[in-house]
């Protein structure tokens, strides 16, 4: 799990460049996981909040706030949507979501 302060590569020597690139790739690979939003977050950044015990919460930054998309209980693999959000069979997106979640 990693976060970086920015995802922009500066002009620098090879060794520093490689280190910075590996840090950025690690942050991307871990979906910017951490206990708070990455300082590099901009509108559209998706990140994983690891604050909860046995819970991963997927969030998206809208430019000013971090909105919860859903949470996954890592012990039971149960997916929880934010309160007030429900998916029903009448929802045209329910089947693709169900297939995507397995």
PDB file of N, CA and C in Angstrom:
ATOM      1  N   UNK A   1       0.846  -1.172   0.000  1.00  0.00           N
ATOM      2  CA  UNK A   1       0.000   0.000   0.000  1.00  0.00           C
ATOM      3  C   UNK A   1       0.889   1.231   0.000  1.00  0.00           C
ATOM      4  N   UNK A   2       0.551   2.159  -0.863  1.00  0.00           N
ATOM      5  CA  UNK A   2       1.422   3.320  -1.002  1.00  0.00           C
ATOM      6  C   UNK A   2       0.644   4.531  -1.479  1.00  0.00           C
ATOM      7  N   UNK A   3       1.162   5.672  -1.127  1.00  0.00           N
ATOM      8  CA  UNK A   3       0.660   6.937  -1.640  1.00  0.00           C
ATOM      9  C   UNK A   3       1.864   7.818  -1.934  1.00  0.00           C
ATOM     10  N   UNK A   4       1.696   8.741  -2.854  1.00  0.00           N
ATOM     11  CA  UNK A   4       2.752   9.700  -3.177  1.00  0.00           C
ATOM     12  C   UNK A   4       2.167  11.099  -3.143  1.00  0.00           C
ATOM     13  N   UNK A   5       3.043  12.088  -2.971  1.00  0.00           N
ATOM     14  CA  UNK A   5       2.557  13.471  -2.890  1.00  0.00           C
ATOM     15  C   UNK A   5       2.189  14.025  -4.252  1.00  0.00           C
ATOM     16  N   UNK A   6       2.746  13.440  -5.323  1.00  0.00           N
ATOM     17  CA  UNK A   6       2.353  13.841  -6.671  1.00  0.00           C
ATOM     18  C   UNK A   6       2.665  12.698  -7.622  1.00  0.00           C
ATOM     19  N   UNK A   7       2.068  12.722  -8.780  1.00  0.00           N
ATOM     20  CA  UNK A   7       2.305  11.682  -9.782  1.00  0.00           C
ATOM     21  C   UNK A   7       2.953  12.274 -11.025  1.00  0.00           C
ATOM     22  N   UNK A   8       3.792  13.269 -10.804  1.00  0.00           N
ATOM     23  CA  UNK A   8       4.507  13.938 -11.882  1.00  0.00           C
ATOM     24  C   UNK A   8       5.995  13.649 -11.721  1.00  0.00           C
ATOM     25  N   UNK A   9       6.629  13.167 -12.794  1.00  0.00           N
ATOM     26  CA  UNK A   9       8.053  12.863 -12.752  1.00  0.00           C
ATOM     27  C   UNK A   9       8.871  14.117 -13.053  1.00  0.00           C
ATOM     28  N   UNK A  10       9.751  14.438 -12.133  1.00  0.00           N
ATOM     29  CA  UNK A  10      10.617  15.611 -12.304  1.00  0.00           C
ATOM     30  C   UNK A  10      11.846  15.247 -13.133  1.00  0.00           C
ATOM     31  N   UNK A  11      12.458  16.233 -13.778  1.00  0.00           N
ATOM     32  CA  UNK A  11      13.739  16.018 -14.450  1.00  0.00           C
ATOM     33  C   UNK A  11      14.782  15.805 -13.359  1.00  0.00           C
ATOM     34  N   UNK A  12      15.500  14.685 -13.453  1.00  0.00           N
ATOM     35  CA  UNK A  12      16.460  14.337 -12.414  1.00  0.00           C
ATOM     36  C   UNK A  12      17.388  13.241 -12.909  1.00  0.00           C
ATOM     37  N   UNK A  13      18.387  12.910 -12.107  1.00  0.00           N
ATOM     38  CA  UNK A  13      19.312  11.838 -12.444  1.00  0.00           C
ATOM     39  C   UNK A  13      18.608  10.488 -12.461  1.00  0.00           C
ATOM     40  N   UNK A  14      19.239   9.509 -13.110  1.00  0.00           N
ATOM     41  CA  UNK A  14      18.601   8.211 -13.312  1.00  0.00           C
ATOM     42  C   UNK A  14      18.180   7.532 -12.017  1.00  0.00           C
ATOM     43  N   UNK A  15      19.057   7.487 -11.039  1.00  0.00           N
ATOM     44  CA  UNK A  15      18.741   6.792  -9.792  1.00  0.00           C
ATOM     45  C   UNK A  15      17.525   7.408  -9.096  1.00  0.00           C
ATOM     46  N   UNK A  16      17.485   8.730  -9.014  1.00  0.00           N
ATOM     47  CA  UNK A  16      16.344   9.421  -8.395  1.00  0.00           C
ATOM     48  C   UNK A  16      15.083   9.228  -9.223  1.00  0.00           C
ATOM     49  N   UNK A  17      15.235   9.266 -10.551  1.00  0.00           N
ATOM     50  CA  UNK A  17      14.098   9.055 -11.445  1.00  0.00           C
ATOM     51  C   UNK A  17      13.499   7.667 -11.228  1.00  0.00           C
ATOM     52  N   UNK A  18      14.373   6.658 -11.184  1.00  0.00           N
ATOM     53  CA  UNK A  18      13.905   5.280 -10.990  1.00  0.00           C
ATOM     54  C   UNK A  18      13.172   5.149  -9.658  1.00  0.00           C
ATOM     55  N   UNK A  19      13.702   5.727  -8.609  1.00  0.00           N
ATOM     56  CA  UNK A  19      13.061   5.661  -7.292  1.00  0.00           C
ATOM     57  C   UNK A  19      11.696   6.332  -7.321  1.00  0.00           C
ATOM     58  N   UNK A  20      11.628   7.527  -7.909  1.00  0.00           N
ATOM     59  CA  UNK A  20      10.355   8.244  -7.973  1.00  0.00           C
ATOM     60  C   UNK A  20       9.337   7.484  -8.822  1.00  0.00           C
ATOM     61  N   UNK A  21       9.783   6.952  -9.960  1.00  0.00           N
ATOM     62  CA  UNK A  21       8.883   6.183 -10.820  1.00  0.00           C
ATOM     63  C   UNK A  21       8.365   4.941 -10.096  1.00  0.00           C
ATOM     64  N   UNK A  22       9.225   4.229  -9.401  1.00  0.00           N
ATOM     65  CA  UNK A  22       8.784   3.043  -8.653  1.00  0.00           C
ATOM     66  C   UNK A  22       7.790   3.413  -7.560  1.00  0.00           C
ATOM     67  N   UNK A  23       7.994   4.555  -6.896  1.00  0.00           N
ATOM     68  CA  UNK A  23       7.048   5.000  -5.867  1.00  0.00           C
ATOM     69  C   UNK A  23       5.687   5.327  -6.483  1.00  0.00           C
ATOM     70  N   UNK A  24       5.688   5.996  -7.619  1.00  0.00           N
ATOM     71  CA  UNK A  24       4.428   6.330  -8.302  1.00  0.00           C
ATOM     72  C   UNK A  24       3.717   5.063  -8.756  1.00  0.00           C
ATOM     73  N   UNK A  25       4.465   4.132  -9.354  1.00  0.00           N
ATOM     74  CA  UNK A  25       3.854   2.882  -9.819  1.00  0.00           C
ATOM     75  C   UNK A  25       3.312   2.065  -8.647  1.00  0.00           C
ATOM     76  N   UNK A  26       4.005   2.084  -7.514  1.00  0.00           N
ATOM     77  CA  UNK A  26       3.523   1.384  -6.327  1.00  0.00           C
ATOM     78  C   UNK A  26       2.206   1.984  -5.837  1.00  0.00           C
ATOM     79  N   UNK A  27       2.106   3.310  -5.854  1.00  0.00           N
ATOM     80  CA  UNK A  27       0.870   3.979  -5.444  1.00  0.00           C
ATOM     81  C   UNK A  27      -0.279   3.612  -6.382  1.00  0.00           C
ATOM     82  N   UNK A  28      -0.011   3.613  -7.675  1.00  0.00           N
ATOM     83  CA  UNK A  28      -1.045   3.259  -8.653  1.00  0.00           C
ATOM     84  C   UNK A  28      -1.442   1.798  -8.477  1.00  0.00           C
ATOM     85  N   UNK A  29      -0.455   0.919  -8.300  1.00  0.00           N
ATOM     86  CA  UNK A  29      -0.722  -0.513  -8.165  1.00  0.00           C
ATOM     87  C   UNK A  29      -1.553  -0.834  -6.929  1.00  0.00           C
ATOM     88  N   UNK A  30      -1.399  -0.056  -5.872  1.00  0.00           N
ATOM     89  CA  UNK A  30      -2.161  -0.291  -4.643  1.00  0.00           C
ATOM     90  C   UNK A  30      -3.415   0.574  -4.570  1.00  0.00           C
ATOM     91  N   UNK A  31      -3.782   1.221  -5.686  1.00  0.00           N
ATOM     92  CA  UNK A  31      -4.958   2.097  -5.746  1.00  0.00           C
ATOM     93  C   UNK A  31      -4.866   3.219  -4.716  1.00  0.00           C
ATOM     94  N   UNK A  32      -3.659   3.730  -4.504  1.00  0.00           N
ATOM     95  CA  UNK A  32      -3.433   4.835  -3.565  1.00  0.00           C
ATOM     96  C   UNK A  32      -3.979   4.500  -2.175  1.00  0.00           C
ATOM     97  N   UNK A  33      -3.847   3.235  -1.755  1.00  0.00           N
ATOM     98  CA  UNK A  33      -4.365   2.793  -0.453  1.00  0.00           C
ATOM     99  C   UNK A  33      -3.736   3.547   0.695  1.00  0.00           C
ATOM    100  N   UNK A  34      -4.562   3.866   1.685  1.00  0.00           N
ATOM    101  CA  UNK A  34      -4.077   4.542   2.883  1.00  0.00           C
ATOM    102  C   UNK A  34      -5.219   4.908   3.802  1.00  0.00           C
ATOM    103  N   UNK A  35      -4.869   5.464   4.942  1.00  0.00           N
ATOM    104  CA  UNK A  35      -5.886   5.827   5.931  1.00  0.00           C
ATOM    105  C   UNK A  35      -6.494   7.197   5.685  1.00  0.00           C
ATOM    106  N   UNK A  36      -5.982   7.904   4.687  1.00  0.00           N
ATOM    107  CA  UNK A  36      -6.570   9.187   4.287  1.00  0.00           C
ATOM    108  C   UNK A  36      -6.347   9.348   2.791  1.00  0.00           C
ATOM    109  N   UNK A  37      -7.015  10.317   2.212  1.00  0.00           N
ATOM    110  CA  UNK A  37      -6.878  10.552   0.770  1.00  0.00           C
ATOM    111  C   UNK A  37      -5.436  10.930   0.448  1.00  0.00           C
ATOM    112  N   UNK A  38      -4.937  10.470  -0.693  1.00  0.00           N
ATOM    113  CA  UNK A  38      -3.583  10.867  -1.070  1.00  0.00           C
ATOM    114  C   UNK A  38      -3.523  12.371  -1.321  1.00  0.00           C
ATOM    115  N   UNK A  39      -2.412  12.982  -0.960  1.00  0.00           N
ATOM    116  CA  UNK A  39      -2.283  14.430  -1.160  1.00  0.00           C
ATOM    117  C   UNK A  39      -2.268  14.786  -2.640  1.00  0.00           C
ATOM    118  N   UNK A  40      -2.025  13.797  -3.497  1.00  0.00           N
ATOM    119  CA  UNK A  40      -2.013  14.029  -4.944  1.00  0.00           C
ATOM    120  C   UNK A  40      -3.401  13.913  -5.570  1.00  0.00           C
ATOM    121  N   UNK A  41      -4.433  13.640  -4.763  1.00  0.00           N
ATOM    122  CA  UNK A  41      -5.785  13.411  -5.294  1.00  0.00           C
ATOM    123  C   UNK A  41      -6.331  14.647  -6.009  1.00  0.00           C
ATOM    124  N   UNK A  42      -6.917  14.405  -7.163  1.00  0.00           N
ATOM    125  CA  UNK A  42      -7.611  15.422  -7.944  1.00  0.00           C
ATOM    126  C   UNK A  42      -8.957  14.826  -8.335  1.00  0.00           C
ATOM    127  N   UNK A  43      -9.832  15.621  -8.928  1.00  0.00           N
ATOM    128  CA  UNK A  43     -11.136  15.117  -9.346  1.00  0.00           C
ATOM    129  C   UNK A  43     -10.941  13.884 -10.227  1.00  0.00           C
ATOM    130  N   UNK A  44     -11.578  12.794  -9.833  1.00  0.00           N
ATOM    131  CA  UNK A  44     -11.489  11.554 -10.588  1.00  0.00           C
ATOM    132  C   UNK A  44     -10.544  10.532  -9.992  1.00  0.00           C
ATOM    133  N   UNK A  45      -9.735  10.938  -9.008  1.00  0.00           N
ATOM    134  CA  UNK A  45      -8.825   9.979  -8.376  1.00  0.00           C
ATOM    135  C   UNK A  45      -9.627   8.967  -7.571  1.00  0.00           C
ATOM    136  N   UNK A  46      -9.388   7.702  -7.842  1.00  0.00           N
ATOM    137  CA  UNK A  46     -10.004   6.617  -7.074  1.00  0.00           C
ATOM    138  C   UNK A  46      -8.946   6.100  -6.109  1.00  0.00           C
ATOM    139  N   UNK A  47      -9.334   5.920  -4.839  1.00  0.00           N
ATOM    140  CA  UNK A  47      -8.385   5.425  -3.850  1.00  0.00           C
ATOM    141  C   UNK A  47      -9.087   4.521  -2.850  1.00  0.00           C
ATOM    142  N   UNK A  48      -8.301   3.704  -2.151  1.00  0.00           N
ATOM    143  CA  UNK A  48      -8.841   2.747  -1.185  1.00  0.00           C
ATOM    144  C   UNK A  48      -8.522   3.224   0.223  1.00  0.00           C
ATOM    145  N   UNK A  49      -9.572   3.451   1.020  1.00  0.00           N
ATOM    146  CA  UNK A  49      -9.440   3.855   2.417  1.00  0.00           C
ATOM    147  C   UNK A  49      -9.290   2.583   3.256  1.00  0.00           C
ATOM    148  N   UNK A  50      -8.166   2.470   3.961  1.00  0.00           N
ATOM    149  CA  UNK A  50      -7.888   1.273   4.759  1.00  0.00           C
ATOM    150  C   UNK A  50      -8.105   1.501   6.251  1.00  0.00           C
ATOM    151  N   UNK A  51      -8.842   2.546   6.610  1.00  0.00           N
ATOM    152  CA  UNK A  51      -9.033   2.897   8.012  1.00  0.00           C
ATOM    153  C   UNK A  51      -9.750   1.807   8.799  1.00  0.00           C
ATOM    154  N   UNK A  52     -10.798   1.209   8.237  1.00  0.00           N
ATOM    155  CA  UNK A  52     -11.603   0.226   8.957  1.00  0.00           C
ATOM    156  C   UNK A  52     -10.909  -1.116   9.112  1.00  0.00           C
ATOM    157  N   UNK A  53     -11.171  -1.777  10.230  1.00  0.00           N
ATOM    158  CA  UNK A  53     -10.645  -3.114  10.456  1.00  0.00           C
ATOM    159  C   UNK A  53     -11.343  -4.092   9.522  1.00  0.00           C
ATOM    160  N   UNK A  54     -10.580  -4.874   8.786  1.00  0.00           N
ATOM    161  CA  UNK A  54     -11.113  -5.854   7.830  1.00  0.00           C
ATOM    162  C   UNK A  54     -12.033  -5.218   6.794  1.00  0.00           C
ATOM    163  N   UNK A  55     -11.825  -3.946   6.491  1.00  0.00           N
ATOM    164  CA  UNK A  55     -12.679  -3.249   5.535  1.00  0.00           C
ATOM    165  C   UNK A  55     -11.835  -2.412   4.585  1.00  0.00           C
ATOM    166  N   UNK A  56     -12.113  -2.556   3.298  1.00  0.00           N
ATOM    167  CA  UNK A  56     -11.524  -1.698   2.276  1.00  0.00           C
ATOM    168  C   UNK A  56     -12.664  -0.874   1.695  1.00  0.00           C
ATOM    169  N   UNK A  57     -12.527   0.443   1.706  1.00  0.00           N
ATOM    170  CA  UNK A  57     -13.573   1.327   1.205  1.00  0.00           C
ATOM    171  C   UNK A  57     -13.067   2.050  -0.031  1.00  0.00           C
ATOM    172  N   UNK A  58     -13.731   1.824  -1.157  1.00  0.00           N
ATOM    173  CA  UNK A  58     -13.345   2.467  -2.407  1.00  0.00           C
ATOM    174  C   UNK A  58     -13.975   3.848  -2.456  1.00  0.00           C
ATOM    175  N   UNK A  59     -13.136   4.861  -2.686  1.00  0.00           N
ATOM    176  CA  UNK A  59     -13.607   6.245  -2.717  1.00  0.00           C
ATOM    177  C   UNK A  59     -13.151   6.913  -4.003  1.00  0.00           C
ATOM    178  N   UNK A  60     -13.876   7.949  -4.392  1.00  0.00           N
ATOM    179  CA  UNK A  60     -13.498   8.758  -5.552  1.00  0.00           C
ATOM    180  C   UNK A  60     -13.503  10.219  -5.138  1.00  0.00           C
ATOM    181  N   UNK A  61     -12.503  10.937  -5.588  1.00  0.00           N
ATOM    182  CA  UNK A  61     -12.410  12.360  -5.274  1.00  0.00           C
ATOM    183  C   UNK A  61     -13.154  13.146  -6.353  1.00  0.00           C
ATOM    184  N   UNK A  62     -14.040  14.041  -5.926  1.00  0.00           N
ATOM    185  CA  UNK A  62     -14.806  14.840  -6.895  1.00  0.00           C
ATOM    186  C   UNK A  62     -14.234  16.246  -7.071  1.00  0.00           C
ATOM    187  N   UNK A  63     -13.030  16.449  -6.591  1.00  0.00           N
ATOM    188  CA  UNK A  63     -12.400  17.763  -6.683  1.00  0.00           C
ATOM    189  C   UNK A  63     -12.393  18.483  -5.356  1.00  0.00           C
ATOM    190  N   UNK A  64     -13.330  18.136  -4.471  1.00  0.00           N
ATOM    191  CA  UNK A  64     -13.337  18.753  -3.148  1.00  0.00           C
ATOM    192  C   UNK A  64     -13.646  17.748  -2.038  1.00  0.00           C
ATOM    193  N   UNK A  65     -14.372  16.689  -2.360  1.00  0.00           N
ATOM    194  CA  UNK A  65     -14.730  15.679  -1.369  1.00  0.00           C
ATOM    195  C   UNK A  65     -14.325  14.300  -1.861  1.00  0.00           C
ATOM    196  N   UNK A  66     -14.238  13.363  -0.912  1.00  0.00           N
ATOM    197  CA  UNK A  66     -13.975  11.965  -1.232  1.00  0.00           C
ATOM    198  C   UNK A  66     -15.253  11.184  -0.990  1.00  0.00           C
ATOM    199  N   UNK A  67     -15.891  10.752  -2.064  1.00  0.00           N
ATOM    200  CA  UNK A  67     -17.180  10.077  -1.983  1.00  0.00           C
ATOM    201  C   UNK A  67     -16.989   8.573  -1.927  1.00  0.00           C
ATOM    202  N   UNK A  68     -17.733   7.911  -1.036  1.00  0.00           N
ATOM    203  CA  UNK A  68     -17.658   6.462  -0.910  1.00  0.00           C
ATOM    204  C   UNK A  68     -18.451   5.806  -2.027  1.00  0.00           C
ATOM    205  N   UNK A  69     -17.798   4.905  -2.753  1.00  0.00           N
ATOM    206  CA  UNK A  69     -18.481   4.127  -3.789  1.00  0.00           C
ATOM    207  C   UNK A  69     -19.046   2.850  -3.186  1.00  0.00           C
ATOM    208  N   UNK A  70     -18.206   2.117  -2.429  1.00  0.00           N
ATOM    209  CA  UNK A  70     -18.656   0.931  -1.711  1.00  0.00           C
ATOM    210  C   UNK A  70     -17.542   0.466  -0.784  1.00  0.00           C
ATOM    211  N   UNK A  71     -17.892  -0.446   0.129  1.00  0.00           N
ATOM    212  CA  UNK A  71     -16.920  -1.039   1.045  1.00  0.00           C
ATOM    213  C   UNK A  71     -16.939  -2.548   0.877  1.00  0.00           C
ATOM    214  N   UNK A  72     -15.791  -3.175   1.115  1.00  0.00           N
ATOM    215  CA  UNK A  72     -15.680  -4.629   1.054  1.00  0.00           C
ATOM    216  C   UNK A  72     -15.161  -5.120   2.394  1.00  0.00           C
ATOM    217  N   UNK A  73     -15.895  -6.053   3.002  1.00  0.00           N
ATOM    218  CA  UNK A  73     -15.437  -6.696   4.224  1.00  0.00           C
ATOM    219  C   UNK A  73     -14.460  -7.783   3.797  1.00  0.00           C
ATOM    220  N   UNK A  74     -13.198  -7.661   4.175  1.00  0.00           N
ATOM    221  CA  UNK A  74     -12.184  -8.601   3.711  1.00  0.00           C
ATOM    222  C   UNK A  74     -12.271  -9.964   4.399  1.00  0.00           C
ATOM    223  N   UNK A  75     -13.059 -10.059   5.471  1.00  0.00           N
ATOM    224  CA  UNK A  75     -13.251 -11.355   6.132  1.00  0.00           C
ATOM    225  C   UNK A  75     -14.355 -12.160   5.463  1.00  0.00           C
ATOM    226  N   UNK A  76     -15.421 -11.469   5.059  1.00  0.00           N
ATOM    227  CA  UNK A  76     -16.584 -12.169   4.501  1.00  0.00           C
ATOM    228  C   UNK A  76     -16.754 -11.933   3.003  1.00  0.00           C
ATOM    229  N   UNK A  77     -15.996 -10.998   2.447  1.00  0.00           N
ATOM    230  CA  UNK A  77     -16.115 -10.576   1.042  1.00  0.00           C
ATOM    231  C   UNK A  77     -17.472  -9.942   0.729  1.00  0.00           C
ATOM    232  N   UNK A  78     -18.174  -9.487   1.754  1.00  0.00           N
ATOM    233  CA  UNK A  78     -19.451  -8.813   1.548  1.00  0.00           C
ATOM    234  C   UNK A  78     -19.213  -7.387   1.073  1.00  0.00           C
ATOM    235  N   UNK A  79     -20.007  -6.962   0.096  1.00  0.00           N
ATOM    236  CA  UNK A  79     -19.923  -5.609  -0.442  1.00  0.00           C
ATOM    237  C   UNK A  79     -21.062  -4.787   0.144  1.00  0.00           C
ATOM    238  N   UNK A  80     -20.735  -3.611   0.669  1.00  0.00           N
ATOM    239  CA  UNK A  80     -21.735  -2.726   1.263  1.00  0.00           C
ATOM    240  C   UNK A  80     -21.741  -1.408   0.504  1.00  0.00           C
ATOM    241  N   UNK A  81     -22.918  -0.989   0.084  1.00  0.00           N
ATOM    242  CA  UNK A  81     -23.077   0.302  -0.593  1.00  0.00           C
ATOM    243  C   UNK A  81     -23.327   1.387   0.446  1.00  0.00           C
ATOM    244  N   UNK A  82     -23.061   2.647   0.116  1.00  0.00           N
ATOM    245  CA  UNK A  82     -23.358   3.735   1.056  1.00  0.00           C
ATOM    246  C   UNK A  82     -24.846   3.768   1.385  1.00  0.00           C
ATOM    247  N   UNK A  83     -25.203   4.274   2.553  1.00  0.00           N
ATOM    248  CA  UNK A  83     -26.614   4.319   2.932  1.00  0.00           C
ATOM    249  C   UNK A  83     -27.397   5.146   1.922  1.00  0.00           C
ATOM    250  N   UNK A  84     -28.588   4.687   1.625  1.00  0.00           N
ATOM    251  CA  UNK A  84     -29.447   5.380   0.669  1.00  0.00           C
ATOM    252  C   UNK A  84     -29.251   4.898  -0.758  1.00  0.00           C
ATOM    253  N   UNK A  85     -28.256   4.042  -0.992  1.00  0.00           N
ATOM    254  CA  UNK A  85     -28.015   3.512  -2.334  1.00  0.00           C
ATOM    255  C   UNK A  85     -28.419   2.049  -2.352  1.00  0.00           C
ATOM    256  N   UNK A  86     -29.222   1.689  -3.320  1.00  0.00           N
ATOM    257  CA  UNK A  86     -29.652   0.304  -3.449  1.00  0.00           C
ATOM    258  C   UNK A  86     -29.664  -0.087  -4.916  1.00  0.00           C
ATOM    259  N   UNK A  87     -29.421  -1.344  -5.172  1.00  0.00           N
ATOM    260  CA  UNK A  87     -29.510  -1.876  -6.531  1.00  0.00           C
ATOM    261  C   UNK A  87     -30.588  -2.941  -6.519  1.00  0.00           C
ATOM    262  N   UNK A  88     -31.529  -2.799  -7.408  1.00  0.00           N
ATOM    263  CA  UNK A  88     -32.611  -3.773  -7.504  1.00  0.00           C
ATOM    264  C   UNK A  88     -32.590  -4.418  -8.882  1.00  0.00           C
ATOM    265  N   UNK A  89     -33.392  -5.462  -9.041  1.00  0.00           N
ATOM    266  CA  UNK A  89     -33.443  -6.134 -10.337  1.00  0.00           C
ATOM    267  C   UNK A  89     -33.978  -5.215 -11.425  1.00  0.00           C
ATOM    268  N   UNK A  90     -34.756  -4.215 -11.050  1.00  0.00           N
ATOM    269  CA  UNK A  90     -35.294  -3.284 -12.033  1.00  0.00           C
ATOM    270  C   UNK A  90     -34.215  -2.319 -12.535  1.00  0.00           C
ATOM    271  N   UNK A  91     -33.116  -2.255 -11.799  1.00  0.00           N
ATOM    272  CA  UNK A  91     -32.016  -1.377 -12.185  1.00  0.00           C
ATOM    273  C   UNK A  91     -31.279  -1.990 -13.373  1.00  0.00           C
ATOM    274  N   UNK A  92     -31.176  -1.285 -14.501  1.00  0.00           N
ATOM    275  CA  UNK A  92     -30.515  -1.857 -15.674  1.00  0.00           C
ATOM    276  C   UNK A  92     -29.029  -2.144 -15.449  1.00  0.00           C
ATOM    277  N   UNK A  93     -28.458  -1.560 -14.404  1.00  0.00           N
ATOM    278  CA  UNK A  93     -27.046  -1.802 -14.120  1.00  0.00           C
ATOM    279  C   UNK A  93     -26.841  -2.947 -13.127  1.00  0.00           C
ATOM    280  N   UNK A  94     -27.915  -3.507 -12.586  1.00  0.00           N
ATOM    281  CA  UNK A  94     -27.785  -4.529 -11.558  1.00  0.00           C
ATOM    282  C   UNK A  94     -27.097  -5.782 -12.085  1.00  0.00           C
ATOM    283  N   UNK A  95     -27.469  -6.266 -13.244  1.00  0.00           N
ATOM    284  CA  UNK A  95     -26.874  -7.486 -13.765  1.00  0.00           C
ATOM    285  C   UNK A  95     -25.387  -7.304 -14.069  1.00  0.00           C
ATOM    286  N   UNK A  96     -24.977  -6.234 -14.784  1.00  0.00           N
ATOM    287  CA  UNK A  96     -23.529  -6.072 -15.003  1.00  0.00           C
ATOM    288  C   UNK A  96     -22.743  -5.948 -13.705  1.00  0.00           C
ATOM    289  N   UNK A  97     -23.324  -5.261 -12.701  1.00  0.00           N
ATOM    290  CA  UNK A  97     -22.645  -5.122 -11.419  1.00  0.00           C
ATOM    291  C   UNK A  97     -22.516  -6.479 -10.744  1.00  0.00           C
ATOM    292  N   UNK A  98     -23.591  -7.255 -10.754  1.00  0.00           N
ATOM    293  CA  UNK A  98     -23.570  -8.579 -10.136  1.00  0.00           C
ATOM    294  C   UNK A  98     -22.533  -9.473 -10.811  1.00  0.00           C
ATOM    295  N   UNK A  99     -22.450  -9.389 -12.133  1.00  0.00           N
ATOM    296  CA  UNK A  99     -21.460 -10.193 -12.860  1.00  0.00           C
ATOM    297  C   UNK A  99     -20.052  -9.720 -12.516  1.00  0.00           C
ATOM    298  N   UNK A 100     -19.842  -8.409 -12.447  1.00  0.00           N
ATOM    299  CA  UNK A 100     -18.522  -7.859 -12.144  1.00  0.00           C
ATOM    300  C   UNK A 100     -18.072  -8.251 -10.736  1.00  0.00           C
ATOM    301  N   UNK A 101     -19.006  -8.297  -9.793  1.00  0.00           N
ATOM    302  CA  UNK A 101     -18.666  -8.626  -8.422  1.00  0.00           C
ATOM    303  C   UNK A 101     -18.555 -10.127  -8.197  1.00  0.00           C
ATOM    304  N   UNK A 102     -19.034 -10.893  -9.167  1.00  0.00           N
ATOM    305  CA  UNK A 102     -18.921 -12.357  -9.079  1.00  0.00           C
ATOM    306  C   UNK A 102     -19.987 -12.892  -8.210  1.00  0.00           C
TER     307      UNK A 102
END
